[in-house]
Structures are given as C-alpha cells and as structure tokens.
Amino acid sequence: SGLTPLQFCNNAVDLKICDSPGVEEMAAWVGENRHLGAGSGLQALGFRVDLRKSIEAAFEVVFWHLEQHLHEEDKVVLRFSPIFVEHLLCKVARF
C-alpha cells in the first residue's frame, strides 16, 4: 500500500512494461489507502468514506460516470484510465 508502489506501477504502465490496473483493482487500492488524496477527493465530492467498500463503490461511480460522459477525443487527450481518475480525485480536495 502507499504511494510509492502506485507510482512505480504508473511508471511501469507508461513504459508499457505492464498493463494498467482495472477499475476494480484501482478502486481496491483507493479503498485500502482511503486516507490519501483520492479518498479526500471522494469525501469532498460528498461520498461517504468511512468504510472501505463505500470508497471502492464511490471510485467506480466516478470512473463510470466519466467514462460515459467524456467525449472520446477528450479521453484520448486525458489518457483516460483508472490511473487518471485516481490522479484527478487527488486534486479535487486541493482546489
């Protein structure tokens, strides 16, 4: 758990050494690390963050909402993925 393994994974994905984590995998990571930025972002958006499963469900809700409503061109520019959504949520509480 923690940011270092996540950043290592993200870099390995960028270098095409491994595949990007799926939505459920990233949701589980966010649930395990709910005290970090993505958990704070979900809380700022009004989601309950007291239980791991509620965090996981909230992450998936945000991911699938963006998946459905972003234009395809925007997804390409943003490199939309579960990693992107985790990064986005980390920024929400800061602004």
PDB file of N, CA and C in Angstrom:
ATOM      1  N   SER A   1       0.836  -1.186   0.000  1.00  0.00           N
ATOM      2  CA  SER A   1       0.000   0.000   0.000  1.00  0.00           C
ATOM      3  C   SER A   1       0.879   1.246   0.000  1.00  0.00           C
ATOM      4  N   GLY A   2       0.268   2.386  -0.179  1.00  0.00           N
ATOM      5  CA  GLY A   2       1.002   3.633  -0.186  1.00  0.00           C
ATOM      6  C   GLY A   2       1.270   4.137  -1.587  1.00  0.00           C
ATOM      7  N   LEU A   3       1.805   5.333  -1.644  1.00  0.00           N
ATOM      8  CA  LEU A   3       2.018   5.991  -2.931  1.00  0.00           C
ATOM      9  C   LEU A   3       3.193   5.437  -3.731  1.00  0.00           C
ATOM     10  N   THR A   4       4.250   5.017  -3.068  1.00  0.00           N
ATOM     11  CA  THR A   4       5.425   4.559  -3.810  1.00  0.00           C
ATOM     12  C   THR A   4       5.111   3.377  -4.725  1.00  0.00           C
ATOM     13  N   PRO A   5       4.451   2.322  -4.234  1.00  0.00           N
ATOM     14  CA  PRO A   5       4.107   1.228  -5.157  1.00  0.00           C
ATOM     15  C   PRO A   5       3.165   1.662  -6.280  1.00  0.00           C
ATOM     16  N   LEU A   6       2.239   2.584  -5.965  1.00  0.00           N
ATOM     17  CA  LEU A   6       1.332   3.071  -7.001  1.00  0.00           C
ATOM     18  C   LEU A   6       2.099   3.826  -8.079  1.00  0.00           C
ATOM     19  N   GLN A   7       2.994   4.708  -7.677  1.00  0.00           N
ATOM     20  CA  GLN A   7       3.775   5.463  -8.661  1.00  0.00           C
ATOM     21  C   GLN A   7       4.677   4.537  -9.474  1.00  0.00           C
ATOM     22  N   PHE A   8       5.233   3.522  -8.844  1.00  0.00           N
ATOM     23  CA  PHE A   8       6.038   2.540  -9.574  1.00  0.00           C
ATOM     24  C   PHE A   8       5.183   1.855 -10.639  1.00  0.00           C
ATOM     25  N   CYS A   9       3.982   1.449 -10.246  1.00  0.00           N
ATOM     26  CA  CYS A   9       3.053   0.817 -11.188  1.00  0.00           C
ATOM     27  C   CYS A   9       2.712   1.769 -12.326  1.00  0.00           C
ATOM     28  N   ASN A  10       2.413   3.025 -11.991  1.00  0.00           N
ATOM     29  CA  ASN A  10       2.068   4.012 -13.019  1.00  0.00           C
ATOM     30  C   ASN A  10       3.202   4.192 -14.019  1.00  0.00           C
ATOM     31  N   ASN A  11       4.424   4.264 -13.511  1.00  0.00           N
ATOM     32  CA  ASN A  11       5.581   4.407 -14.401  1.00  0.00           C
ATOM     33  C   ASN A  11       5.758   3.172 -15.275  1.00  0.00           C
ATOM     34  N   ALA A  12       5.554   1.995 -14.705  1.00  0.00           N
ATOM     35  CA  ALA A  12       5.673   0.759 -15.484  1.00  0.00           C
ATOM     36  C   ALA A  12       4.608   0.707 -16.578  1.00  0.00           C
ATOM     37  N   VAL A  13       3.422   1.196 -16.282  1.00  0.00           N
ATOM     38  CA  VAL A  13       2.359   1.264 -17.296  1.00  0.00           C
ATOM     39  C   VAL A  13       2.764   2.232 -18.404  1.00  0.00           C
ATOM     40  N   ASP A  14       3.260   3.417 -18.024  1.00  0.00           N
ATOM     41  CA  ASP A  14       3.693   4.402 -19.025  1.00  0.00           C
ATOM     42  C   ASP A  14       4.789   3.857 -19.935  1.00  0.00           C
ATOM     43  N   LEU A  15       5.658   3.024 -19.375  1.00  0.00           N
ATOM     44  CA  LEU A  15       6.746   2.431 -20.156  1.00  0.00           C
ATOM     45  C   LEU A  15       6.312   1.163 -20.893  1.00  0.00           C
ATOM     46  N   LYS A  16       5.030   0.821 -20.745  1.00  0.00           N
ATOM     47  CA  LYS A  16       4.451  -0.369 -21.393  1.00  0.00           C
ATOM     48  C   LYS A  16       5.098  -1.669 -20.909  1.00  0.00           C
ATOM     49  N   ILE A  17       5.547  -1.662 -19.663  1.00  0.00           N
ATOM     50  CA  ILE A  17       6.101  -2.866 -19.035  1.00  0.00           C
ATOM     51  C   ILE A  17       4.973  -3.745 -18.522  1.00  0.00           C
ATOM     52  N   CYS A  18       3.874  -3.123 -18.134  1.00  0.00           N
ATOM     53  CA  CYS A  18       2.724  -3.890 -17.651  1.00  0.00           C
ATOM     54  C   CYS A  18       1.441  -3.159 -18.055  1.00  0.00           C
ATOM     55  N   ASP A  19       0.328  -3.842 -17.876  1.00  0.00           N
ATOM     56  CA  ASP A  19      -0.974  -3.267 -18.211  1.00  0.00           C
ATOM     57  C   ASP A  19      -1.450  -2.356 -17.091  1.00  0.00           C
ATOM     58  N   SER A  20      -2.282  -1.414 -17.456  1.00  0.00           N
ATOM     59  CA  SER A  20      -2.891  -0.524 -16.480  1.00  0.00           C
ATOM     60  C   SER A  20      -3.809  -1.328 -15.563  1.00  0.00           C
ATOM     61  N   PRO A  21      -3.885  -0.963 -14.295  1.00  0.00           N
ATOM     62  CA  PRO A  21      -4.835  -1.656 -13.416  1.00  0.00           C
ATOM     63  C   PRO A  21      -6.259  -1.389 -13.879  1.00  0.00           C
ATOM     64  N   GLY A  22      -7.114  -2.355 -13.646  1.00  0.00           N
ATOM     65  CA  GLY A  22      -8.518  -2.191 -13.990  1.00  0.00           C
ATOM     66  C   GLY A  22      -9.236  -1.316 -12.979  1.00  0.00           C
ATOM     67  N   VAL A  23     -10.488  -1.020 -13.261  1.00  0.00           N
ATOM     68  CA  VAL A  23     -11.285  -0.164 -12.386  1.00  0.00           C
ATOM     69  C   VAL A  23     -11.399  -0.787 -10.991  1.00  0.00           C
ATOM     70  N   GLU A  24     -11.699  -2.068 -10.932  1.00  0.00           N
ATOM     71  CA  GLU A  24     -11.862  -2.728  -9.632  1.00  0.00           C
ATOM     72  C   GLU A  24     -10.550  -2.771  -8.862  1.00  0.00           C
ATOM     73  N   GLU A  25      -9.439  -3.003  -9.557  1.00  0.00           N
ATOM     74  CA  GLU A  25      -8.133  -3.018  -8.890  1.00  0.00           C
ATOM     75  C   GLU A  25      -7.795  -1.649  -8.309  1.00  0.00           C
ATOM     76  N   MET A  26      -8.036  -0.596  -9.097  1.00  0.00           N
ATOM     77  CA  MET A  26      -7.730   0.743  -8.610  1.00  0.00           C
ATOM     78  C   MET A  26      -8.678   1.126  -7.484  1.00  0.00           C
ATOM     79  N   ALA A  27      -9.945   0.744  -7.599  1.00  0.00           N
ATOM     80  CA  ALA A  27     -10.908   1.028  -6.531  1.00  0.00           C
ATOM     81  C   ALA A  27     -10.466   0.359  -5.229  1.00  0.00           C
ATOM     82  N   ALA A  28      -9.970  -0.875  -5.326  1.00  0.00           N
ATOM     83  CA  ALA A  28      -9.487  -1.575  -4.128  1.00  0.00           C
ATOM     84  C   ALA A  28      -8.284  -0.850  -3.526  1.00  0.00           C
ATOM     85  N   TRP A  29      -7.388  -0.352  -4.388  1.00  0.00           N
ATOM     86  CA  TRP A  29      -6.216   0.375  -3.880  1.00  0.00           C
ATOM     87  C   TRP A  29      -6.656   1.653  -3.169  1.00  0.00           C
ATOM     88  N   VAL A  30      -7.586   2.379  -3.777  1.00  0.00           N
ATOM     89  CA  VAL A  30      -8.091   3.607  -3.157  1.00  0.00           C
ATOM     90  C   VAL A  30      -8.769   3.276  -1.830  1.00  0.00           C
ATOM     91  N   GLY A  31      -9.525   2.172  -1.792  1.00  0.00           N
ATOM     92  CA  GLY A  31     -10.171   1.761  -0.543  1.00  0.00           C
ATOM     93  C   GLY A  31      -9.170   1.429   0.552  1.00  0.00           C
ATOM     94  N   GLU A  32      -8.100   0.757   0.186  1.00  0.00           N
ATOM     95  CA  GLU A  32      -7.059   0.407   1.158  1.00  0.00           C
ATOM     96  C   GLU A  32      -6.292   1.634   1.625  1.00  0.00           C
ATOM     97  N   ASN A  33      -6.226   2.655   0.791  1.00  0.00           N
ATOM     98  CA  ASN A  33      -5.450   3.869   1.081  1.00  0.00           C
ATOM     99  C   ASN A  33      -6.355   5.089   1.160  1.00  0.00           C
ATOM    100  N   ARG A  34      -7.513   4.921   1.780  1.00  0.00           N
ATOM    101  CA  ARG A  34      -8.526   5.977   1.798  1.00  0.00           C
ATOM    102  C   ARG A  34      -8.088   7.248   2.504  1.00  0.00           C
ATOM    103  N   HIS A  35      -7.036   7.174   3.279  1.00  0.00           N
ATOM    104  CA  HIS A  35      -6.518   8.356   3.969  1.00  0.00           C
ATOM    105  C   HIS A  35      -5.686   9.249   3.036  1.00  0.00           C
ATOM    106  N   LEU A  36      -5.421   8.778   1.831  1.00  0.00           N
ATOM    107  CA  LEU A  36      -4.628   9.555   0.875  1.00  0.00           C
ATOM    108  C   LEU A  36      -5.542  10.421   0.008  1.00  0.00           C
ATOM    109  N   GLY A  37      -4.973  11.048  -0.999  1.00  0.00           N
ATOM    110  CA  GLY A  37      -5.658  12.073  -1.783  1.00  0.00           C
ATOM    111  C   GLY A  37      -6.959  11.676  -2.448  1.00  0.00           C
ATOM    112  N   ALA A  38      -7.030  10.492  -3.056  1.00  0.00           N
ATOM    113  CA  ALA A  38      -8.251  10.107  -3.763  1.00  0.00           C
ATOM    114  C   ALA A  38      -9.417   9.960  -2.785  1.00  0.00           C
ATOM    115  N   GLY A  39      -9.147   9.426  -1.608  1.00  0.00           N
ATOM    116  CA  GLY A  39     -10.188   9.324  -0.585  1.00  0.00           C
ATOM    117  C   GLY A  39     -10.685  10.688  -0.162  1.00  0.00           C
ATOM    118  N   SER A  40      -9.765  11.639  -0.009  1.00  0.00           N
ATOM    119  CA  SER A  40     -10.141  13.012   0.343  1.00  0.00           C
ATOM    120  C   SER A  40     -10.960  13.648  -0.781  1.00  0.00           C
ATOM    121  N   GLY A  41     -10.589  13.358  -2.019  1.00  0.00           N
ATOM    122  CA  GLY A  41     -11.342  13.869  -3.156  1.00  0.00           C
ATOM    123  C   GLY A  41     -12.761  13.341  -3.188  1.00  0.00           C
ATOM    124  N   LEU A  42     -12.915  12.053  -2.925  1.00  0.00           N
ATOM    125  CA  LEU A  42     -14.254  11.467  -2.888  1.00  0.00           C
ATOM    126  C   LEU A  42     -15.081  12.084  -1.765  1.00  0.00           C
ATOM    127  N   GLN A  43     -14.447  12.308  -0.614  1.00  0.00           N
ATOM    128  CA  GLN A  43     -15.149  12.937   0.508  1.00  0.00           C
ATOM    129  C   GLN A  43     -15.577  14.352   0.134  1.00  0.00           C
ATOM    130  N   ALA A  44     -14.699  15.104  -0.531  1.00  0.00           N
ATOM    131  CA  ALA A  44     -15.028  16.469  -0.952  1.00  0.00           C
ATOM    132  C   ALA A  44     -16.202  16.486  -1.932  1.00  0.00           C
ATOM    133  N   LEU A  45     -16.353  15.413  -2.692  1.00  0.00           N
ATOM    134  CA  LEU A  45     -17.469  15.306  -3.638  1.00  0.00           C
ATOM    135  C   LEU A  45     -18.759  14.848  -2.969  1.00  0.00           C
ATOM    136  N   GLY A  46     -18.685  14.545  -1.658  1.00  0.00           N
ATOM    137  CA  GLY A  46     -19.888  14.181  -0.917  1.00  0.00           C
ATOM    138  C   GLY A  46     -20.093  12.701  -0.675  1.00  0.00           C
ATOM    139  N   PHE A  47     -19.133  11.877  -1.066  1.00  0.00           N
ATOM    140  CA  PHE A  47     -19.249  10.436  -0.825  1.00  0.00           C
ATOM    141  C   PHE A  47     -18.864  10.111   0.607  1.00  0.00           C
ATOM    142  N   ARG A  48     -19.468   9.072   1.153  1.00  0.00           N
ATOM    143  CA  ARG A  48     -19.079   8.569   2.476  1.00  0.00           C
ATOM    144  C   ARG A  48     -17.778   7.802   2.327  1.00  0.00           C
ATOM    145  N   VAL A  49     -16.843   8.089   3.190  1.00  0.00           N
ATOM    146  CA  VAL A  49     -15.524   7.456   3.084  1.00  0.00           C
ATOM    147  C   VAL A  49     -15.133   6.699   4.346  1.00  0.00           C
ATOM    148  N   ASP A  50     -16.111   6.375   5.173  1.00  0.00           N
ATOM    149  CA  ASP A  50     -15.796   5.714   6.426  1.00  0.00           C
ATOM    150  C   ASP A  50     -15.563   4.211   6.274  1.00  0.00           C
ATOM    151  N   LEU A  51     -16.089   3.613   5.244  1.00  0.00           N
ATOM    152  CA  LEU A  51     -15.925   2.178   5.022  1.00  0.00           C
ATOM    153  C   LEU A  51     -15.185   1.930   3.713  1.00  0.00           C
ATOM    154  N   ARG A  52     -14.332   0.926   3.733  1.00  0.00           N
ATOM    155  CA  ARG A  52     -13.543   0.603   2.534  1.00  0.00           C
ATOM    156  C   ARG A  52     -14.439   0.316   1.332  1.00  0.00           C
ATOM    157  N   LYS A  53     -15.478  -0.471   1.527  1.00  0.00           N
ATOM    158  CA  LYS A  53     -16.362  -0.827   0.408  1.00  0.00           C
ATOM    159  C   LYS A  53     -17.101   0.388  -0.149  1.00  0.00           C
ATOM    160  N   SER A  54     -17.435   1.347   0.715  1.00  0.00           N
ATOM    161  CA  SER A  54     -18.110   2.549   0.205  1.00  0.00           C
ATOM    162  C   SER A  54     -17.146   3.390  -0.624  1.00  0.00           C
ATOM    163  N   ILE A  55     -15.883   3.421  -0.239  1.00  0.00           N
ATOM    164  CA  ILE A  55     -14.861   4.124  -1.033  1.00  0.00           C
ATOM    165  C   ILE A  55     -14.707   3.444  -2.393  1.00  0.00           C
ATOM    166  N   GLU A  56     -14.623   2.129  -2.389  1.00  0.00           N
ATOM    167  CA  GLU A  56     -14.462   1.391  -3.651  1.00  0.00           C
ATOM    168  C   GLU A  56     -15.646   1.660  -4.584  1.00  0.00           C
ATOM    169  N   ALA A  57     -16.856   1.605  -4.019  1.00  0.00           N
ATOM    170  CA  ALA A  57     -18.052   1.858  -4.837  1.00  0.00           C
ATOM    171  C   ALA A  57     -18.055   3.289  -5.365  1.00  0.00           C
ATOM    172  N   ALA A  58     -17.662   4.245  -4.534  1.00  0.00           N
ATOM    173  CA  ALA A  58     -17.629   5.648  -4.950  1.00  0.00           C
ATOM    174  C   ALA A  58     -16.633   5.855  -6.089  1.00  0.00           C
ATOM    175  N   PHE A  59     -15.458   5.226  -5.974  1.00  0.00           N
ATOM    176  CA  PHE A  59     -14.462   5.349  -7.044  1.00  0.00           C
ATOM    177  C   PHE A  59     -15.039   4.829  -8.359  1.00  0.00           C
ATOM    178  N   GLU A  60     -15.687   3.678  -8.293  1.00  0.00           N
ATOM    179  CA  GLU A  60     -16.255   3.094  -9.514  1.00  0.00           C
ATOM    180  C   GLU A  60     -17.356   3.983 -10.092  1.00  0.00           C
ATOM    181  N   VAL A  61     -18.169   4.593  -9.234  1.00  0.00           N
ATOM    182  CA  VAL A  61     -19.218   5.506  -9.708  1.00  0.00           C
ATOM    183  C   VAL A  61     -18.593   6.669 -10.475  1.00  0.00           C
ATOM    184  N   VAL A  62     -17.555   7.273  -9.899  1.00  0.00           N
ATOM    185  CA  VAL A  62     -16.898   8.406 -10.560  1.00  0.00           C
ATOM    186  C   VAL A  62     -16.279   7.960 -11.883  1.00  0.00           C
ATOM    187  N   PHE A  63     -15.572   6.818 -11.873  1.00  0.00           N
ATOM    188  CA  PHE A  63     -14.950   6.326 -13.101  1.00  0.00           C
ATOM    189  C   PHE A  63     -15.991   6.125 -14.196  1.00  0.00           C
ATOM    190  N   TRP A  64     -17.058   5.384 -13.889  1.00  0.00           N
ATOM    191  CA  TRP A  64     -18.043   5.053 -14.924  1.00  0.00           C
ATOM    192  C   TRP A  64     -18.824   6.282 -15.371  1.00  0.00           C
ATOM    193  N   HIS A  65     -19.021   7.250 -14.491  1.00  0.00           N
ATOM    194  CA  HIS A  65     -19.670   8.498 -14.907  1.00  0.00           C
ATOM    195  C   HIS A  65     -18.808   9.221 -15.940  1.00  0.00           C
ATOM    196  N   LEU A  66     -17.518   9.346 -15.637  1.00  0.00           N
ATOM    197  CA  LEU A  66     -16.619   9.998 -16.594  1.00  0.00           C
ATOM    198  C   LEU A  66     -16.506   9.197 -17.887  1.00  0.00           C
ATOM    199  N   GLU A  67     -16.431   7.887 -17.762  1.00  0.00           N
ATOM    200  CA  GLU A  67     -16.355   7.016 -18.947  1.00  0.00           C
ATOM    201  C   GLU A  67     -17.549   7.256 -19.871  1.00  0.00           C
ATOM    202  N   GLN A  68     -18.713   7.416 -19.287  1.00  0.00           N
ATOM    203  CA  GLN A  68     -19.928   7.588 -20.073  1.00  0.00           C
ATOM    204  C   GLN A  68     -20.056   8.993 -20.650  1.00  0.00           C
ATOM    205  N   HIS A  69     -19.583  10.021 -19.940  1.00  0.00           N
ATOM    206  CA  HIS A  69     -19.889  11.395 -20.333  1.00  0.00           C
ATOM    207  C   HIS A  69     -18.755  12.161 -21.003  1.00  0.00           C
ATOM    208  N   LEU A  70     -17.523  11.703 -20.898  1.00  0.00           N
ATOM    209  CA  LEU A  70     -16.437  12.376 -21.614  1.00  0.00           C
ATOM    210  C   LEU A  70     -16.486  12.001 -23.096  1.00  0.00           C
ATOM    211  N   HIS A  71     -16.184  12.954 -23.956  1.00  0.00           N
ATOM    212  CA  HIS A  71     -16.086  12.653 -25.383  1.00  0.00           C
ATOM    213  C   HIS A  71     -14.852  11.795 -25.633  1.00  0.00           C
ATOM    214  N   GLU A  72     -14.913  10.986 -26.647  1.00  0.00           N
ATOM    215  CA  GLU A  72     -13.798  10.090 -26.967  1.00  0.00           C
ATOM    216  C   GLU A  72     -12.500  10.867 -27.205  1.00  0.00           C
ATOM    217  N   GLU A  73     -12.601  12.004 -27.878  1.00  0.00           N
ATOM    218  CA  GLU A  73     -11.403  12.800 -28.141  1.00  0.00           C
ATOM    219  C   GLU A  73     -10.772  13.279 -26.828  1.00  0.00           C
ATOM    220  N   ASP A  74     -11.623  13.668 -25.888  1.00  0.00           N
ATOM    221  CA  ASP A  74     -11.124  14.122 -24.589  1.00  0.00           C
ATOM    222  C   ASP A  74     -10.468  12.976 -23.819  1.00  0.00           C
ATOM    223  N   LYS A  75     -11.035  11.792 -23.927  1.00  0.00           N
ATOM    224  CA  LYS A  75     -10.442  10.629 -23.253  1.00  0.00           C
ATOM    225  C   LYS A  75      -9.033  10.363 -23.768  1.00  0.00           C
ATOM    226  N   VAL A  76      -8.848  10.530 -25.063  1.00  0.00           N
ATOM    227  CA  VAL A  76      -7.523  10.316 -25.645  1.00  0.00           C
ATOM    228  C   VAL A  76      -6.544  11.357 -25.112  1.00  0.00           C
ATOM    229  N   VAL A  77      -6.947  12.622 -25.132  1.00  0.00           N
ATOM    230  CA  VAL A  77      -6.076  13.705 -24.660  1.00  0.00           C
ATOM    231  C   VAL A  77      -5.724  13.518 -23.189  1.00  0.00           C
ATOM    232  N   LEU A  78      -6.705  13.122 -22.397  1.00  0.00           N
ATOM    233  CA  LEU A  78      -6.502  12.945 -20.956  1.00  0.00           C
ATOM    234  C   LEU A  78      -5.829  11.625 -20.593  1.00  0.00           C
ATOM    235  N   ARG A  79      -5.704  10.739 -21.589  1.00  0.00           N
ATOM    236  CA  ARG A  79      -5.217   9.379 -21.316  1.00  0.00           C
ATOM    237  C   ARG A  79      -6.080   8.733 -20.236  1.00  0.00           C
ATOM    238  N   PHE A  80      -7.388   8.810 -20.482  1.00  0.00           N
ATOM    239  CA  PHE A  80      -8.385   8.355 -19.511  1.00  0.00           C
ATOM    240  C   PHE A  80      -8.179   6.896 -19.155  1.00  0.00           C
ATOM    241  N   SER A  81      -8.127   6.630 -17.865  1.00  0.00           N
ATOM    242  CA  SER A  81      -7.939   5.284 -17.331  1.00  0.00           C
ATOM    243  C   SER A  81      -8.230   5.341 -15.832  1.00  0.00           C
ATOM    244  N   PRO A  82      -8.262   4.204 -15.166  1.00  0.00           N
ATOM    245  CA  PRO A  82      -8.399   4.230 -13.711  1.00  0.00           C
ATOM    246  C   PRO A  82      -7.278   5.035 -13.035  1.00  0.00           C
ATOM    247  N   ILE A  83      -6.079   5.000 -13.605  1.00  0.00           N
ATOM    248  CA  ILE A  83      -4.975   5.794 -13.052  1.00  0.00           C
ATOM    249  C   ILE A  83      -5.304   7.283 -13.149  1.00  0.00           C
ATOM    250  N   PHE A  84      -5.837   7.720 -14.288  1.00  0.00           N
ATOM    251  CA  PHE A  84      -6.213   9.122 -14.458  1.00  0.00           C
ATOM    252  C   PHE A  84      -7.236   9.541 -13.408  1.00  0.00           C
ATOM    253  N   VAL A  85      -8.252   8.699 -13.190  1.00  0.00           N
ATOM    254  CA  VAL A  85      -9.308   9.050 -12.238  1.00  0.00           C
ATOM    255  C   VAL A  85      -8.744   9.154 -10.819  1.00  0.00           C
ATOM    256  N   GLU A  86      -7.825   8.269 -10.463  1.00  0.00           N
ATOM    257  CA  GLU A  86      -7.189   8.360  -9.138  1.00  0.00           C
ATOM    258  C   GLU A  86      -6.437   9.675  -9.022  1.00  0.00           C
ATOM    259  N   HIS A  87      -5.684  10.050 -10.044  1.00  0.00           N
ATOM    260  CA  HIS A  87      -4.953  11.326 -10.029  1.00  0.00           C
ATOM    261  C   HIS A  87      -5.924  12.511  -9.942  1.00  0.00           C
ATOM    262  N   LEU A  88      -6.995  12.455 -10.704  1.00  0.00           N
ATOM    263  CA  LEU A  88      -7.991  13.527 -10.696  1.00  0.00           C
ATOM    264  C   LEU A  88      -8.591  13.704  -9.305  1.00  0.00           C
ATOM    265  N   LEU A  89      -8.963  12.602  -8.686  1.00  0.00           N
ATOM    266  CA  LEU A  89      -9.563  12.680  -7.348  1.00  0.00           C
ATOM    267  C   LEU A  89      -8.583  13.251  -6.326  1.00  0.00           C
ATOM    268  N   CYS A  90      -7.313  12.979  -6.502  1.00  0.00           N
ATOM    269  CA  CYS A  90      -6.298  13.529  -5.591  1.00  0.00           C
ATOM    270  C   CYS A  90      -6.289  15.052  -5.644  1.00  0.00           C
ATOM    271  N   LYS A  91      -6.611  15.607  -6.788  1.00  0.00           N
ATOM    272  CA  LYS A  91      -6.572  17.052  -6.957  1.00  0.00           C
ATOM    273  C   LYS A  91      -7.835  17.745  -6.476  1.00  0.00           C
ATOM    274  N   VAL A  92      -8.949  17.021  -6.404  1.00  0.00           N
ATOM    275  CA  VAL A  92     -10.238  17.625  -6.069  1.00  0.00           C
ATOM    276  C   VAL A  92     -10.193  18.324  -4.717  1.00  0.00           C
ATOM    277  N   ALA A  93      -9.688  17.667  -3.706  1.00  0.00           N
ATOM    278  CA  ALA A  93      -9.684  18.243  -2.353  1.00  0.00           C
ATOM    279  C   ALA A  93      -8.735  19.428  -2.240  1.00  0.00           C
ATOM    280  N   ARG A  94      -7.778  19.533  -3.139  1.00  0.00           N
ATOM    281  CA  ARG A  94      -6.812  20.633  -3.075  1.00  0.00           C
ATOM    282  C   ARG A  94      -7.359  21.939  -3.612  1.00  0.00           C
ATOM    283  N   PHE A  95      -8.405  21.870  -4.435  1.00  0.00           N
ATOM    284  CA  PHE A  95      -8.922  23.073  -5.073  1.00  0.00           C
ATOM    285  C   PHE A  95     -10.290  23.338  -4.589  1.00  0.00           C
TER     286      PHE A  95
END
